[in-house]
């Protein structure tokens, strides 16, 4: 059995971490009795600078023929962020109907949280972020450019189908975990979209009587991610709020360099995409010190999604064991002085 994987290194440290991690993943797959066949795609900011587009016009159709997508990173100091986002990641998420972004945040043994008094296992939460609409919907525009009365309109879009899809996925996860879900909105200020979101959560909750639901405004949620992160289990939030809270969750649990992410097409008609949360990190690109473990953990989520759960669990457990080992190499974001390759080599040996 071989799975077709679309590989998009992208920008900055994306190519570095994927190049380092790929042999390790191939070894793991071979030992588990399956294969990974890659299609290497040179899409990203360098392509944009050379050709004026982040990916070719038929890029989405190219991706459709694959079982999953593995993305390194997107972002370049010479290209505006809205160009890179709207030129690659958002079209993939929207046109492949990857409606649910799942981002776990776990404080692993041996990793130091910036929060005093927290140790391994004390924080273990997962955020379900709506991924194709909300505040990231491309609805609006600018008029009267260059004049004093220039105006910009940006509208958020919440559909019942899109909202219910992510909310139901979050309730399913909560029912399988600790039975506790936190719904994050800003419905005191956004009386249409966010109150609608709250209504959908309330309706769906009737199908999950065993799940306790907490409602938080996003500003209170941000405060409580710092003040009481151990009390969160499953969090569900809109596109923008989920994006912000997952970066905060990653830092609270040690580093963006450990944070994995899955963009899930739950209808099964298109591939899902897996990526580290950390982005392209142009400040350290080319130095060989990027933490590869967020990518490794994203691959573990990819394998689980493909049905190779044993291999995914084995990979995730190896990461946890290595982080718990005080003698194992660590990249600078975790207080060490090792490079990307050294961390991967140690993990490969451990596997």
C-alpha atoms as a PDB file:
ATOM      1  CA  UNK A   1       0.000   0.000   0.000  1.00  0.00           C
ATOM      2  CA  UNK A   2       1.382   3.390  -0.992  1.00  0.00           C
ATOM      3  CA  UNK A   3      -0.187   6.771  -0.288  1.00  0.00           C
ATOM      4  CA  UNK A   4       0.148   9.721  -2.656  1.00  0.00           C
ATOM      5  CA  UNK A   5       1.417  12.761  -0.751  1.00  0.00           C
ATOM      6  CA  UNK A   6       1.600  16.259  -2.227  1.00  0.00           C
ATOM      7  CA  UNK A   7       4.682  17.906  -0.721  1.00  0.00           C
ATOM      8  CA  UNK A   8       4.769  21.722  -0.660  1.00  0.00           C
ATOM      9  CA  UNK A   9       7.937  22.947   1.118  1.00  0.00           C
ATOM     10  CA  UNK A  10       6.926  26.571   0.574  1.00  0.00           C
ATOM     11  CA  UNK A  11       9.056  29.306   2.097  1.00  0.00           C
ATOM     12  CA  UNK A  12      11.738  29.959   4.687  1.00  0.00           C
ATOM     13  CA  UNK A  13      12.311  27.092   7.072  1.00  0.00           C
ATOM     14  CA  UNK A  14       9.576  25.064   5.393  1.00  0.00           C
ATOM     15  CA  UNK A  15      11.986  23.420   2.971  1.00  0.00           C
ATOM     16  CA  UNK A  16      14.556  22.833   5.728  1.00  0.00           C
ATOM     17  CA  UNK A  17      12.194  20.982   8.052  1.00  0.00           C
ATOM     18  CA  UNK A  18      10.563  18.905   5.327  1.00  0.00           C
ATOM     19  CA  UNK A  19      13.922  17.901   3.846  1.00  0.00           C
ATOM     20  CA  UNK A  20      15.157  16.841   7.273  1.00  0.00           C
ATOM     21  CA  UNK A  21      11.999  14.979   8.289  1.00  0.00           C
ATOM     22  CA  UNK A  22      11.260  13.121   5.062  1.00  0.00           C
ATOM     23  CA  UNK A  23      13.839  10.263   5.451  1.00  0.00           C
ATOM     24  CA  UNK A  24      12.649   9.624   8.995  1.00  0.00           C
ATOM     25  CA  UNK A  25       9.043   9.367   7.832  1.00  0.00           C
ATOM     26  CA  UNK A  26      10.010   7.052   4.976  1.00  0.00           C
ATOM     27  CA  UNK A  27      11.810   4.742   7.422  1.00  0.00           C
ATOM     28  CA  UNK A  28       8.782   4.674   9.694  1.00  0.00           C
ATOM     29  CA  UNK A  29       6.416   3.927   6.817  1.00  0.00           C
ATOM     30  CA  UNK A  30       8.607   1.114   5.527  1.00  0.00           C
ATOM     31  CA  UNK A  31       8.810  -0.486   8.956  1.00  0.00           C
ATOM     32  CA  UNK A  32       5.010  -0.287   9.239  1.00  0.00           C
ATOM     33  CA  UNK A  33       4.453  -1.911   5.863  1.00  0.00           C
ATOM     34  CA  UNK A  34       3.226   0.971   3.743  1.00  0.00           C
ATOM     35  CA  UNK A  35       4.796   3.502   1.409  1.00  0.00           C
ATOM     36  CA  UNK A  36       4.607   7.236   0.765  1.00  0.00           C
ATOM     37  CA  UNK A  37       4.923   8.442  -2.819  1.00  0.00           C
ATOM     38  CA  UNK A  38       5.626  12.164  -2.990  1.00  0.00           C
ATOM     39  CA  UNK A  39       4.830  14.759  -5.586  1.00  0.00           C
ATOM     40  CA  UNK A  40       7.255  17.640  -4.991  1.00  0.00           C
ATOM     41  CA  UNK A  41       5.625  20.997  -5.720  1.00  0.00           C
ATOM     42  CA  UNK A  42       7.767  24.149  -5.850  1.00  0.00           C
ATOM     43  CA  UNK A  43       4.892  26.460  -4.971  1.00  0.00           C
ATOM     44  CA  UNK A  44       5.455  29.488  -2.793  1.00  0.00           C
ATOM     45  CA  UNK A  45       6.902  32.968  -2.674  1.00  0.00           C
ATOM     46  CA  UNK A  46       9.934  32.292  -4.879  1.00  0.00           C
ATOM     47  CA  UNK A  47       7.552  31.155  -7.585  1.00  0.00           C
ATOM     48  CA  UNK A  48       5.481  34.289  -7.029  1.00  0.00           C
ATOM     49  CA  UNK A  49       8.541  36.522  -7.388  1.00  0.00           C
ATOM     50  CA  UNK A  50       9.541  34.736 -10.584  1.00  0.00           C
ATOM     51  CA  UNK A  51       6.153  34.149 -12.221  1.00  0.00           C
ATOM     52  CA  UNK A  52       3.600  36.323 -10.416  1.00  0.00           C
ATOM     53  CA  UNK A  53       1.643  33.455  -8.832  1.00  0.00           C
ATOM     54  CA  UNK A  54       2.155  31.311  -5.748  1.00  0.00           C
ATOM     55  CA  UNK A  55       0.913  28.224  -7.573  1.00  0.00           C
ATOM     56  CA  UNK A  56      -0.205  27.358 -11.128  1.00  0.00           C
ATOM     57  CA  UNK A  57      -3.793  27.845 -12.285  1.00  0.00           C
ATOM     58  CA  UNK A  58      -4.439  24.100 -12.193  1.00  0.00           C
ATOM     59  CA  UNK A  59      -2.838  23.710  -8.767  1.00  0.00           C
ATOM     60  CA  UNK A  60      -6.007  22.724  -6.921  1.00  0.00           C
ATOM     61  CA  UNK A  61      -6.788  20.009  -9.463  1.00  0.00           C
ATOM     62  CA  UNK A  62      -3.227  18.732  -9.075  1.00  0.00           C
ATOM     63  CA  UNK A  63      -3.792  18.376  -5.343  1.00  0.00           C
ATOM     64  CA  UNK A  64      -7.131  16.582  -5.679  1.00  0.00           C
ATOM     65  CA  UNK A  65      -5.475  13.401  -6.932  1.00  0.00           C
ATOM     66  CA  UNK A  66      -3.489  12.959  -3.718  1.00  0.00           C
ATOM     67  CA  UNK A  67      -4.338  11.268  -0.439  1.00  0.00           C
ATOM     68  CA  UNK A  68      -2.941  14.096   1.698  1.00  0.00           C
ATOM     69  CA  UNK A  69      -0.938  17.317   1.507  1.00  0.00           C
ATOM     70  CA  UNK A  70       2.098  18.153   3.646  1.00  0.00           C
ATOM     71  CA  UNK A  71       2.979  21.844   3.752  1.00  0.00           C
ATOM     72  CA  UNK A  72       6.205  23.303   5.140  1.00  0.00           C
ATOM     73  CA  UNK A  73       5.498  27.017   5.570  1.00  0.00           C
ATOM     74  CA  UNK A  74       4.297  30.115   3.723  1.00  0.00           C
ATOM     75  CA  UNK A  75       5.636  33.660   4.049  1.00  0.00           C
ATOM     76  CA  UNK A  76       8.445  35.790   2.619  1.00  0.00           C
ATOM     77  CA  UNK A  77       9.827  39.178   3.719  1.00  0.00           C
ATOM     78  CA  UNK A  78       9.667  40.490   0.134  1.00  0.00           C
ATOM     79  CA  UNK A  79       6.045  39.488  -0.458  1.00  0.00           C
ATOM     80  CA  UNK A  80       3.119  40.984   1.515  1.00  0.00           C
ATOM     81  CA  UNK A  81       1.537  38.461   3.845  1.00  0.00           C
ATOM     82  CA  UNK A  82      -1.929  38.870   2.346  1.00  0.00           C
ATOM     83  CA  UNK A  83      -0.487  37.906  -1.047  1.00  0.00           C
ATOM     84  CA  UNK A  84       1.098  34.694   0.228  1.00  0.00           C
ATOM     85  CA  UNK A  85      -1.954  33.727   2.288  1.00  0.00           C
ATOM     86  CA  UNK A  86      -4.525  34.416  -0.424  1.00  0.00           C
ATOM     87  CA  UNK A  87      -2.270  32.991  -3.111  1.00  0.00           C
ATOM     88  CA  UNK A  88      -1.720  29.547  -1.608  1.00  0.00           C
ATOM     89  CA  UNK A  89      -3.043  28.503   1.792  1.00  0.00           C
ATOM     90  CA  UNK A  90      -6.526  30.012   1.677  1.00  0.00           C
ATOM     91  CA  UNK A  91      -7.331  28.756  -1.838  1.00  0.00           C
ATOM     92  CA  UNK A  92      -6.264  25.253  -0.813  1.00  0.00           C
ATOM     93  CA  UNK A  93      -8.345  25.313   2.349  1.00  0.00           C
ATOM     94  CA  UNK A  94     -11.423  26.763   0.674  1.00  0.00           C
ATOM     95  CA  UNK A  95     -11.450  24.992  -2.668  1.00  0.00           C
ATOM     96  CA  UNK A  96     -10.704  21.601  -1.105  1.00  0.00           C
ATOM     97  CA  UNK A  97     -13.369  22.280   1.543  1.00  0.00           C
ATOM     98  CA  UNK A  98     -10.984  21.808   4.461  1.00  0.00           C
ATOM     99  CA  UNK A  99     -13.547  23.201   6.884  1.00  0.00           C
ATOM    100  CA  UNK A 100     -11.975  22.107  10.160  1.00  0.00           C
ATOM    101  CA  UNK A 101      -8.563  23.127  11.449  1.00  0.00           C
ATOM    102  CA  UNK A 102      -7.518  20.939  14.372  1.00  0.00           C
ATOM    103  CA  UNK A 103      -4.638  22.173  16.531  1.00  0.00           C
ATOM    104  CA  UNK A 104      -3.644  20.314  19.704  1.00  0.00           C
ATOM    105  CA  UNK A 105      -1.578  21.987  22.419  1.00  0.00           C
ATOM    106  CA  UNK A 106      -0.001  19.675  24.987  1.00  0.00           C
ATOM    107  CA  UNK A 107       2.698  20.477  27.524  1.00  0.00           C
ATOM    108  CA  UNK A 108       4.960  17.459  27.171  1.00  0.00           C
ATOM    109  CA  UNK A 109       7.283  16.071  29.820  1.00  0.00           C
ATOM    110  CA  UNK A 110      10.677  17.769  29.677  1.00  0.00           C
ATOM    111  CA  UNK A 111       9.366  20.930  28.015  1.00  0.00           C
ATOM    112  CA  UNK A 112       9.376  24.131  30.030  1.00  0.00           C
ATOM    113  CA  UNK A 113       6.297  26.326  29.897  1.00  0.00           C
ATOM    114  CA  UNK A 114       6.751  30.089  30.327  1.00  0.00           C
ATOM    115  CA  UNK A 115       4.021  29.805  32.948  1.00  0.00           C
ATOM    116  CA  UNK A 116       5.286  29.214  36.461  1.00  0.00           C
ATOM    117  CA  UNK A 117       4.255  25.987  38.159  1.00  0.00           C
ATOM    118  CA  UNK A 118       3.250  23.939  35.100  1.00  0.00           C
ATOM    119  CA  UNK A 119       4.883  20.646  34.201  1.00  0.00           C
ATOM    120  CA  UNK A 120       4.470  17.805  31.741  1.00  0.00           C
ATOM    121  CA  UNK A 121       0.862  16.770  31.226  1.00  0.00           C
ATOM    122  CA  UNK A 122      -0.627  19.736  33.076  1.00  0.00           C
ATOM    123  CA  UNK A 123      -1.922  21.320  29.864  1.00  0.00           C
ATOM    124  CA  UNK A 124      -3.654  19.202  27.245  1.00  0.00           C
ATOM    125  CA  UNK A 125      -6.159  20.929  25.002  1.00  0.00           C
ATOM    126  CA  UNK A 126      -7.204  20.952  21.365  1.00  0.00           C
ATOM    127  CA  UNK A 127      -8.662  23.837  19.388  1.00  0.00           C
ATOM    128  CA  UNK A 128     -11.153  23.272  16.582  1.00  0.00           C
ATOM    129  CA  UNK A 129     -10.961  26.315  14.342  1.00  0.00           C
ATOM    130  CA  UNK A 130     -13.435  27.046  11.563  1.00  0.00           C
ATOM    131  CA  UNK A 131     -11.212  27.095   8.494  1.00  0.00           C
ATOM    132  CA  UNK A 132     -12.900  28.327   5.314  1.00  0.00           C
ATOM    133  CA  UNK A 133     -15.096  31.316   6.137  1.00  0.00           C
ATOM    134  CA  UNK A 134     -15.678  33.625   9.109  1.00  0.00           C
ATOM    135  CA  UNK A 135     -13.335  36.575   9.333  1.00  0.00           C
ATOM    136  CA  UNK A 136     -11.102  35.151   6.575  1.00  0.00           C
ATOM    137  CA  UNK A 137     -13.859  35.192   3.948  1.00  0.00           C
ATOM    138  CA  UNK A 138     -12.767  37.262   0.975  1.00  0.00           C
ATOM    139  CA  UNK A 139     -15.839  39.476   1.099  1.00  0.00           C
ATOM    140  CA  UNK A 140     -15.411  43.237   0.892  1.00  0.00           C
ATOM    141  CA  UNK A 141     -13.242  45.699  -0.944  1.00  0.00           C
ATOM    142  CA  UNK A 142     -11.718  49.147  -1.103  1.00  0.00           C
ATOM    143  CA  UNK A 143     -13.100  52.199  -2.841  1.00  0.00           C
ATOM    144  CA  UNK A 144     -11.830  55.726  -3.576  1.00  0.00           C
ATOM    145  CA  UNK A 145      -8.201  54.658  -3.269  1.00  0.00           C
ATOM    146  CA  UNK A 146      -5.796  57.523  -2.767  1.00  0.00           C
ATOM    147  CA  UNK A 147      -8.432  60.011  -1.660  1.00  0.00           C
ATOM    148  CA  UNK A 148      -9.244  61.274   1.822  1.00  0.00           C
ATOM    149  CA  UNK A 149     -12.588  59.497   1.698  1.00  0.00           C
ATOM    150  CA  UNK A 150     -11.027  56.100   0.879  1.00  0.00           C
ATOM    151  CA  UNK A 151     -12.992  53.293   2.520  1.00  0.00           C
ATOM    152  CA  UNK A 152     -12.293  49.626   3.197  1.00  0.00           C
ATOM    153  CA  UNK A 153     -15.032  47.077   3.910  1.00  0.00           C
ATOM    154  CA  UNK A 154     -14.221  43.623   5.291  1.00  0.00           C
ATOM    155  CA  UNK A 155     -17.139  41.324   6.073  1.00  0.00           C
ATOM    156  CA  UNK A 156     -17.144  38.104   8.048  1.00  0.00           C
ATOM    157  CA  UNK A 157     -19.307  35.256   6.750  1.00  0.00           C
ATOM    158  CA  UNK A 158     -20.830  32.507   8.882  1.00  0.00           C
ATOM    159  CA  UNK A 159     -22.904  29.820   7.188  1.00  0.00           C
ATOM    160  CA  UNK A 160     -24.986  27.318   9.093  1.00  0.00           C
ATOM    161  CA  UNK A 161     -23.333  24.399   7.308  1.00  0.00           C
ATOM    162  CA  UNK A 162     -19.779  25.655   7.878  1.00  0.00           C
ATOM    163  CA  UNK A 163     -20.391  26.572  11.504  1.00  0.00           C
ATOM    164  CA  UNK A 164     -22.195  23.347  12.340  1.00  0.00           C
ATOM    165  CA  UNK A 165     -19.467  21.253  10.698  1.00  0.00           C
ATOM    166  CA  UNK A 166     -16.704  22.546  12.960  1.00  0.00           C
ATOM    167  CA  UNK A 167     -18.929  22.727  16.028  1.00  0.00           C
ATOM    168  CA  UNK A 168     -20.064  19.117  15.602  1.00  0.00           C
ATOM    169  CA  UNK A 169     -16.461  17.967  15.077  1.00  0.00           C
ATOM    170  CA  UNK A 170     -15.517  19.716  18.317  1.00  0.00           C
ATOM    171  CA  UNK A 171     -18.372  18.071  20.232  1.00  0.00           C
ATOM    172  CA  UNK A 172     -17.365  14.656  18.887  1.00  0.00           C
ATOM    173  CA  UNK A 173     -13.824  15.249  20.152  1.00  0.00           C
ATOM    174  CA  UNK A 174     -15.070  16.465  23.535  1.00  0.00           C
ATOM    175  CA  UNK A 175     -17.242  13.364  23.900  1.00  0.00           C
ATOM    176  CA  UNK A 176     -14.158  11.201  23.281  1.00  0.00           C
ATOM    177  CA  UNK A 177     -11.939  13.228  25.626  1.00  0.00           C
ATOM    178  CA  UNK A 178     -12.945  14.776  28.956  1.00  0.00           C
ATOM    179  CA  UNK A 179     -16.491  15.806  28.032  1.00  0.00           C
ATOM    180  CA  UNK A 180     -15.818  19.529  28.291  1.00  0.00           C
ATOM    181  CA  UNK A 181     -16.112  22.074  25.485  1.00  0.00           C
ATOM    182  CA  UNK A 182     -15.400  25.808  25.509  1.00  0.00           C
ATOM    183  CA  UNK A 183     -17.181  27.931  22.925  1.00  0.00           C
ATOM    184  CA  UNK A 184     -15.231  31.124  22.168  1.00  0.00           C
ATOM    185  CA  UNK A 185     -16.959  34.082  20.509  1.00  0.00           C
ATOM    186  CA  UNK A 186     -17.323  37.857  20.803  1.00  0.00           C
ATOM    187  CA  UNK A 187     -21.096  37.881  20.774  1.00  0.00           C
ATOM    188  CA  UNK A 188     -21.419  40.920  23.042  1.00  0.00           C
ATOM    189  CA  UNK A 189     -19.948  43.105  20.281  1.00  0.00           C
ATOM    190  CA  UNK A 190     -20.768  41.097  17.138  1.00  0.00           C
ATOM    191  CA  UNK A 191     -24.496  40.685  17.580  1.00  0.00           C
ATOM    192  CA  UNK A 192     -25.204  38.984  14.271  1.00  0.00           C
ATOM    193  CA  UNK A 193     -22.475  36.532  13.264  1.00  0.00           C
ATOM    194  CA  UNK A 194     -21.304  35.591  16.737  1.00  0.00           C
ATOM    195  CA  UNK A 195     -24.796  35.326  18.224  1.00  0.00           C
ATOM    196  CA  UNK A 196     -25.656  33.077  15.270  1.00  0.00           C
ATOM    197  CA  UNK A 197     -22.552  31.003  16.125  1.00  0.00           C
ATOM    198  CA  UNK A 198     -23.729  30.715  19.747  1.00  0.00           C
ATOM    199  CA  UNK A 199     -27.160  29.590  18.545  1.00  0.00           C
ATOM    200  CA  UNK A 200     -25.613  26.800  16.461  1.00  0.00           C
ATOM    201  CA  UNK A 201     -23.484  25.648  19.424  1.00  0.00           C
ATOM    202  CA  UNK A 202     -26.563  25.552  21.631  1.00  0.00           C
ATOM    203  CA  UNK A 203     -28.527  23.558  19.036  1.00  0.00           C
ATOM    204  CA  UNK A 204     -25.742  21.026  18.459  1.00  0.00           C
ATOM    205  CA  UNK A 205     -25.149  20.643  22.191  1.00  0.00           C
ATOM    206  CA  UNK A 206     -28.585  19.017  22.507  1.00  0.00           C
ATOM    207  CA  UNK A 207     -27.164  16.006  20.633  1.00  0.00           C
ATOM    208  CA  UNK A 208     -24.329  15.675  23.174  1.00  0.00           C
ATOM    209  CA  UNK A 209     -25.902  15.700  26.653  1.00  0.00           C
ATOM    210  CA  UNK A 210     -22.714  14.263  28.154  1.00  0.00           C
ATOM    211  CA  UNK A 211     -20.601  17.269  27.144  1.00  0.00           C
ATOM    212  CA  UNK A 212     -20.478  20.297  29.441  1.00  0.00           C
ATOM    213  CA  UNK A 213     -20.305  23.598  27.567  1.00  0.00           C
ATOM    214  CA  UNK A 214     -18.598  26.781  28.740  1.00  0.00           C
ATOM    215  CA  UNK A 215     -19.034  30.077  26.891  1.00  0.00           C
ATOM    216  CA  UNK A 216     -16.200  32.606  26.852  1.00  0.00           C
ATOM    217  CA  UNK A 217     -15.651  35.874  25.058  1.00  0.00           C
ATOM    218  CA  UNK A 218     -12.382  35.781  23.151  1.00  0.00           C
ATOM    219  CA  UNK A 219     -10.668  38.361  25.352  1.00  0.00           C
ATOM    220  CA  UNK A 220     -11.527  36.345  28.462  1.00  0.00           C
ATOM    221  CA  UNK A 221     -10.399  33.160  26.703  1.00  0.00           C
ATOM    222  CA  UNK A 222      -7.021  34.727  25.895  1.00  0.00           C
ATOM    223  CA  UNK A 223      -6.619  35.697  29.532  1.00  0.00           C
ATOM    224  CA  UNK A 224      -7.629  32.230  30.726  1.00  0.00           C
ATOM    225  CA  UNK A 225      -5.264  30.450  28.316  1.00  0.00           C
ATOM    226  CA  UNK A 226      -2.575  32.063  30.473  1.00  0.00           C
ATOM    227  CA  UNK A 227      -4.342  32.073  33.840  1.00  0.00           C
ATOM    228  CA  UNK A 228      -5.865  28.555  33.852  1.00  0.00           C
ATOM    229  CA  UNK A 229      -4.815  26.595  30.738  1.00  0.00           C
ATOM    230  CA  UNK A 230      -5.110  23.279  32.589  1.00  0.00           C
ATOM    231  CA  UNK A 231      -8.905  23.669  32.723  1.00  0.00           C
ATOM    232  CA  UNK A 232      -9.414  23.626  28.946  1.00  0.00           C
ATOM    233  CA  UNK A 233     -10.164  20.439  27.035  1.00  0.00           C
ATOM    234  CA  UNK A 234     -11.758  21.124  23.627  1.00  0.00           C
ATOM    235  CA  UNK A 235     -12.100  24.680  22.346  1.00  0.00           C
ATOM    236  CA  UNK A 236     -14.165  25.674  19.318  1.00  0.00           C
ATOM    237  CA  UNK A 237     -13.750  29.076  17.704  1.00  0.00           C
ATOM    238  CA  UNK A 238     -14.138  31.039  14.499  1.00  0.00           C
ATOM    239  CA  UNK A 239     -11.357  31.340  11.941  1.00  0.00           C
ATOM    240  CA  UNK A 240      -9.693  34.450  13.372  1.00  0.00           C
ATOM    241  CA  UNK A 241     -10.180  33.690  17.048  1.00  0.00           C
ATOM    242  CA  UNK A 242      -8.981  30.122  16.589  1.00  0.00           C
ATOM    243  CA  UNK A 243      -5.898  31.348  14.747  1.00  0.00           C
ATOM    244  CA  UNK A 244      -4.911  33.730  17.538  1.00  0.00           C
ATOM    245  CA  UNK A 245      -5.676  31.348  20.404  1.00  0.00           C
ATOM    246  CA  UNK A 246      -3.690  28.478  18.890  1.00  0.00           C
ATOM    247  CA  UNK A 247      -0.528  30.574  18.726  1.00  0.00           C
ATOM    248  CA  UNK A 248      -1.062  31.432  22.371  1.00  0.00           C
ATOM    249  CA  UNK A 249      -1.675  27.779  23.186  1.00  0.00           C
ATOM    250  CA  UNK A 250       1.529  26.791  21.403  1.00  0.00           C
ATOM    251  CA  UNK A 251       3.632  29.214  23.424  1.00  0.00           C
ATOM    252  CA  UNK A 252       1.976  28.255  26.714  1.00  0.00           C
ATOM    253  CA  UNK A 253       2.939  24.631  25.978  1.00  0.00           C
ATOM    254  CA  UNK A 254       6.559  25.433  25.204  1.00  0.00           C
ATOM    255  CA  UNK A 255       7.156  26.591  21.637  1.00  0.00           C
ATOM    256  CA  UNK A 256       5.636  27.220  18.237  1.00  0.00           C
ATOM    257  CA  UNK A 257       8.277  24.745  17.107  1.00  0.00           C
ATOM    258  CA  UNK A 258       6.253  21.927  18.677  1.00  0.00           C
ATOM    259  CA  UNK A 259       2.785  22.859  17.404  1.00  0.00           C
ATOM    260  CA  UNK A 260       1.166  20.676  14.703  1.00  0.00           C
ATOM    261  CA  UNK A 261      -1.916  21.415  12.650  1.00  0.00           C
ATOM    262  CA  UNK A 262      -4.434  19.595  10.449  1.00  0.00           C
ATOM    263  CA  UNK A 263      -6.731  21.170   7.849  1.00  0.00           C
ATOM    264  CA  UNK A 264      -9.417  18.541   7.472  1.00  0.00           C
ATOM    265  CA  UNK A 265     -11.721  17.898   4.535  1.00  0.00           C
ATOM    266  CA  UNK A 266     -14.261  15.836   6.433  1.00  0.00           C
ATOM    267  CA  UNK A 267     -16.450  14.986   3.450  1.00  0.00           C
ATOM    268  CA  UNK A 268     -13.708  12.728   2.074  1.00  0.00           C
ATOM    269  CA  UNK A 269     -13.939  14.137  -1.434  1.00  0.00           C
ATOM    270  CA  UNK A 270     -10.597  15.958  -1.248  1.00  0.00           C
ATOM    271  CA  UNK A 271      -7.271  15.561   0.532  1.00  0.00           C
ATOM    272  CA  UNK A 272      -6.612  17.126   3.910  1.00  0.00           C
ATOM    273  CA  UNK A 273      -3.530  19.264   4.523  1.00  0.00           C
ATOM    274  CA  UNK A 274      -1.089  19.045   7.416  1.00  0.00           C
ATOM    275  CA  UNK A 275       1.374  21.744   8.443  1.00  0.00           C
ATOM    276  CA  UNK A 276       3.371  23.046  11.399  1.00  0.00           C
ATOM    277  CA  UNK A 277       1.912  26.157  13.017  1.00  0.00           C
ATOM    278  CA  UNK A 278       5.229  28.011  13.164  1.00  0.00           C
ATOM    279  CA  UNK A 279       5.285  29.607   9.713  1.00  0.00           C
ATOM    280  CA  UNK A 280       8.301  30.400   7.557  1.00  0.00           C
ATOM    281  CA  UNK A 281      10.431  32.102  10.276  1.00  0.00           C
ATOM    282  CA  UNK A 282      12.568  34.182   7.864  1.00  0.00           C
ATOM    283  CA  UNK A 283      14.705  35.413  10.775  1.00  0.00           C
ATOM    284  CA  UNK A 284      16.281  31.947  11.161  1.00  0.00           C
ATOM    285  CA  UNK A 285      15.867  30.564   7.640  1.00  0.00           C
ATOM    286  CA  UNK A 286      19.064  29.029   6.328  1.00  0.00           C
ATOM    287  CA  UNK A 287      20.681  28.701   9.753  1.00  0.00           C
ATOM    288  CA  UNK A 288      19.767  25.039  10.213  1.00  0.00           C
ATOM    289  CA  UNK A 289      18.321  25.566  13.693  1.00  0.00           C
ATOM    290  CA  UNK A 290      14.568  25.318  13.041  1.00  0.00           C
ATOM    291  CA  UNK A 291      12.730  22.913  15.304  1.00  0.00           C
ATOM    292  CA  UNK A 292      11.516  20.009  13.125  1.00  0.00           C
ATOM    293  CA  UNK A 293       9.215  18.504  15.741  1.00  0.00           C
ATOM    294  CA  UNK A 294       6.121  20.521  14.781  1.00  0.00           C
ATOM    295  CA  UNK A 295       6.453  19.033  11.307  1.00  0.00           C
ATOM    296  CA  UNK A 296       7.037  15.558  12.745  1.00  0.00           C
ATOM    297  CA  UNK A 297       3.918  15.865  14.873  1.00  0.00           C
ATOM    298  CA  UNK A 298       1.946  17.137  11.870  1.00  0.00           C
ATOM    299  CA  UNK A 299       3.049  14.008  10.012  1.00  0.00           C
ATOM    300  CA  UNK A 300       1.785  11.932  12.939  1.00  0.00           C
ATOM    301  CA  UNK A 301      -1.617  13.581  12.481  1.00  0.00           C
ATOM    302  CA  UNK A 302      -1.413  12.913   8.728  1.00  0.00           C
ATOM    303  CA  UNK A 303      -0.712   9.225   9.282  1.00  0.00           C
ATOM    304  CA  UNK A 304      -3.581   8.930  11.736  1.00  0.00           C
ATOM    305  CA  UNK A 305      -5.893  10.600   9.207  1.00  0.00           C
ATOM    306  CA  UNK A 306      -4.836   8.093   6.534  1.00  0.00           C
ATOM    307  CA  UNK A 307      -5.734   5.222   8.842  1.00  0.00           C
ATOM    308  CA  UNK A 308      -2.140   4.405   9.807  1.00  0.00           C
ATOM    309  CA  UNK A 309      -2.848   5.212  13.443  1.00  0.00           C
ATOM    310  CA  UNK A 310      -0.268   2.822  14.876  1.00  0.00           C
ATOM    311  CA  UNK A 311       2.519   4.528  12.947  1.00  0.00           C
ATOM    312  CA  UNK A 312       1.218   7.958  13.890  1.00  0.00           C
ATOM    313  CA  UNK A 313       1.090   7.030  17.568  1.00  0.00           C
ATOM    314  CA  UNK A 314       4.570   5.550  17.390  1.00  0.00           C
ATOM    315  CA  UNK A 315       5.893   8.780  15.933  1.00  0.00           C
ATOM    316  CA  UNK A 316       4.132  10.964  18.502  1.00  0.00           C
ATOM    317  CA  UNK A 317       5.361   8.736  21.346  1.00  0.00           C
ATOM    318  CA  UNK A 318       8.946   8.940  20.061  1.00  0.00           C
ATOM    319  CA  UNK A 319       8.743  12.751  20.100  1.00  0.00           C
ATOM    320  CA  UNK A 320       7.434  12.678  23.673  1.00  0.00           C
ATOM    321  CA  UNK A 321      10.183  10.272  24.769  1.00  0.00           C
ATOM    322  CA  UNK A 322      12.891  12.407  23.177  1.00  0.00           C
ATOM    323  CA  UNK A 323      11.638  15.601  24.784  1.00  0.00           C
ATOM    324  CA  UNK A 324      11.533  13.863  28.169  1.00  0.00           C
ATOM    325  CA  UNK A 325      15.175  12.794  27.771  1.00  0.00           C
ATOM    326  CA  UNK A 326      17.427  15.506  29.292  1.00  0.00           C
ATOM    327  CA  UNK A 327      20.378  14.269  27.230  1.00  0.00           C
ATOM    328  CA  UNK A 328      18.595  14.448  23.869  1.00  0.00           C
ATOM    329  CA  UNK A 329      19.464  17.307  21.490  1.00  0.00           C
ATOM    330  CA  UNK A 330      17.202  20.365  21.436  1.00  0.00           C
ATOM    331  CA  UNK A 331      16.902  23.330  19.130  1.00  0.00           C
ATOM    332  CA  UNK A 332      17.353  26.872  20.504  1.00  0.00           C
ATOM    333  CA  UNK A 333      13.623  27.541  20.888  1.00  0.00           C
ATOM    334  CA  UNK A 334      13.630  24.847  23.595  1.00  0.00           C
ATOM    335  CA  UNK A 335      16.770  26.134  25.273  1.00  0.00           C
ATOM    336  CA  UNK A 336      19.245  23.890  23.449  1.00  0.00           C
ATOM    337  CA  UNK A 337      21.993  24.481  20.918  1.00  0.00           C
ATOM    338  CA  UNK A 338      21.391  21.621  18.472  1.00  0.00           C
ATOM    339  CA  UNK A 339      20.451  21.999  14.837  1.00  0.00           C
ATOM    340  CA  UNK A 340      17.519  20.637  12.875  1.00  0.00           C
ATOM    341  CA  UNK A 341      19.429  17.650  11.510  1.00  0.00           C
ATOM    342  CA  UNK A 342      20.735  16.589  14.915  1.00  0.00           C
ATOM    343  CA  UNK A 343      17.241  16.527  16.408  1.00  0.00           C
ATOM    344  CA  UNK A 344      15.910  14.479  13.506  1.00  0.00           C
ATOM    345  CA  UNK A 345      18.894  12.092  13.612  1.00  0.00           C
ATOM    346  CA  UNK A 346      18.301  11.441  17.316  1.00  0.00           C
ATOM    347  CA  UNK A 347      14.635  10.840  16.719  1.00  0.00           C
ATOM    348  CA  UNK A 348      15.339   8.545  13.795  1.00  0.00           C
ATOM    349  CA  UNK A 349      17.698   6.488  15.976  1.00  0.00           C
ATOM    350  CA  UNK A 350      15.103   6.378  18.741  1.00  0.00           C
ATOM    351  CA  UNK A 351      12.479   5.061  16.314  1.00  0.00           C
END
